[in-house]
């Protein structure tokens, strides 16, 4: 496990966007851990943030529906 202070977000990335993606990854990891009974070494949020900054978490943007006139 890497110290979080040593992780630097990729240039041009939005820190709020990283936070949202990492929180969803942490939730996913926590759910997986509860379902399988396997333990995650370290804190789930730290692991999720590390995976997000290293761009190991796939994500995509959903287009918002256009408002009807």
Protein backbone atom coordinates (compact mmCIF):
# COMPACT_ATOMS: atom_id res chain seq x y z
CA UNK A 1 0.00 0.00 0.00
CA UNK A 2 1.34 3.41 -0.97
CA UNK A 3 1.18 6.41 1.33
CA UNK A 4 -1.63 8.65 0.11
CA UNK A 5 0.52 11.76 0.48
CA UNK A 6 2.84 10.40 -2.23
CA UNK A 7 0.02 9.98 -4.76
CA UNK A 8 -0.32 12.93 -7.09
CA UNK A 9 -3.49 13.25 -9.18
CA UNK A 10 -2.91 13.19 -12.94
CA UNK A 11 -2.39 16.60 -14.49
CA UNK A 12 -5.60 18.22 -15.64
CA UNK A 13 -7.82 15.97 -13.53
CA UNK A 14 -10.60 17.42 -11.46
CA UNK A 15 -10.14 16.70 -7.75
CA UNK A 16 -13.90 16.68 -7.12
CA UNK A 17 -14.41 14.21 -9.94
CA UNK A 18 -11.66 11.98 -8.47
CA UNK A 19 -13.40 12.14 -5.10
CA UNK A 20 -16.74 11.01 -6.53
CA UNK A 21 -15.16 8.18 -8.52
CA UNK A 22 -13.11 7.05 -5.49
CA UNK A 23 -16.16 7.08 -3.23
CA UNK A 24 -18.10 4.90 -5.66
CA UNK A 25 -15.13 2.55 -5.93
CA UNK A 26 -14.90 2.36 -2.13
CA UNK A 27 -18.58 1.47 -1.96
CA UNK A 28 -18.08 -1.20 -4.63
CA UNK A 29 -15.07 -2.68 -2.81
CA UNK A 30 -16.94 -2.66 0.50
CA UNK A 31 -19.97 -4.41 -1.02
CA UNK A 32 -17.69 -6.98 -2.65
CA UNK A 33 -15.95 -7.60 0.67
CA UNK A 34 -19.26 -8.15 2.47
CA UNK A 35 -20.61 -10.45 -0.26
CA UNK A 36 -17.52 -12.65 -0.54
CA UNK A 37 -16.37 -12.49 3.07
CA UNK A 38 -12.86 -11.58 1.97
CA UNK A 39 -10.95 -8.86 3.80
CA UNK A 40 -9.35 -5.91 2.07
CA UNK A 41 -5.93 -5.03 3.46
CA UNK A 42 -5.88 -1.44 4.72
CA UNK A 43 -8.68 1.05 4.61
CA UNK A 44 -11.20 0.67 1.81
CA UNK A 45 -11.32 4.40 1.10
CA UNK A 46 -7.53 4.65 0.85
CA UNK A 47 -7.42 1.67 -1.50
CA UNK A 48 -10.17 3.15 -3.66
CA UNK A 49 -8.45 6.53 -3.85
CA UNK A 50 -5.14 4.91 -4.75
CA UNK A 51 -6.77 2.84 -7.51
CA UNK A 52 -8.58 5.92 -8.83
CA UNK A 53 -5.47 8.10 -8.99
CA UNK A 54 -3.54 5.31 -10.71
CA UNK A 55 -6.40 5.18 -13.25
CA UNK A 56 -7.22 1.54 -12.47
CA UNK A 57 -10.93 2.33 -12.02
CA UNK A 58 -12.90 2.47 -15.28
CA UNK A 59 -15.55 5.16 -15.50
CA UNK A 60 -17.56 6.92 -18.17
CA UNK A 61 -19.76 9.96 -18.49
CA UNK A 62 -23.47 9.59 -19.01
CA UNK A 63 -25.12 12.17 -21.19
CA UNK A 64 -27.89 13.97 -19.35
CA UNK A 65 -31.25 13.85 -21.13
CA UNK A 66 -32.12 17.06 -22.90
CA UNK A 67 -34.92 19.05 -21.28
CA UNK A 68 -38.15 19.04 -23.22
CA UNK A 69 -39.19 22.38 -24.67
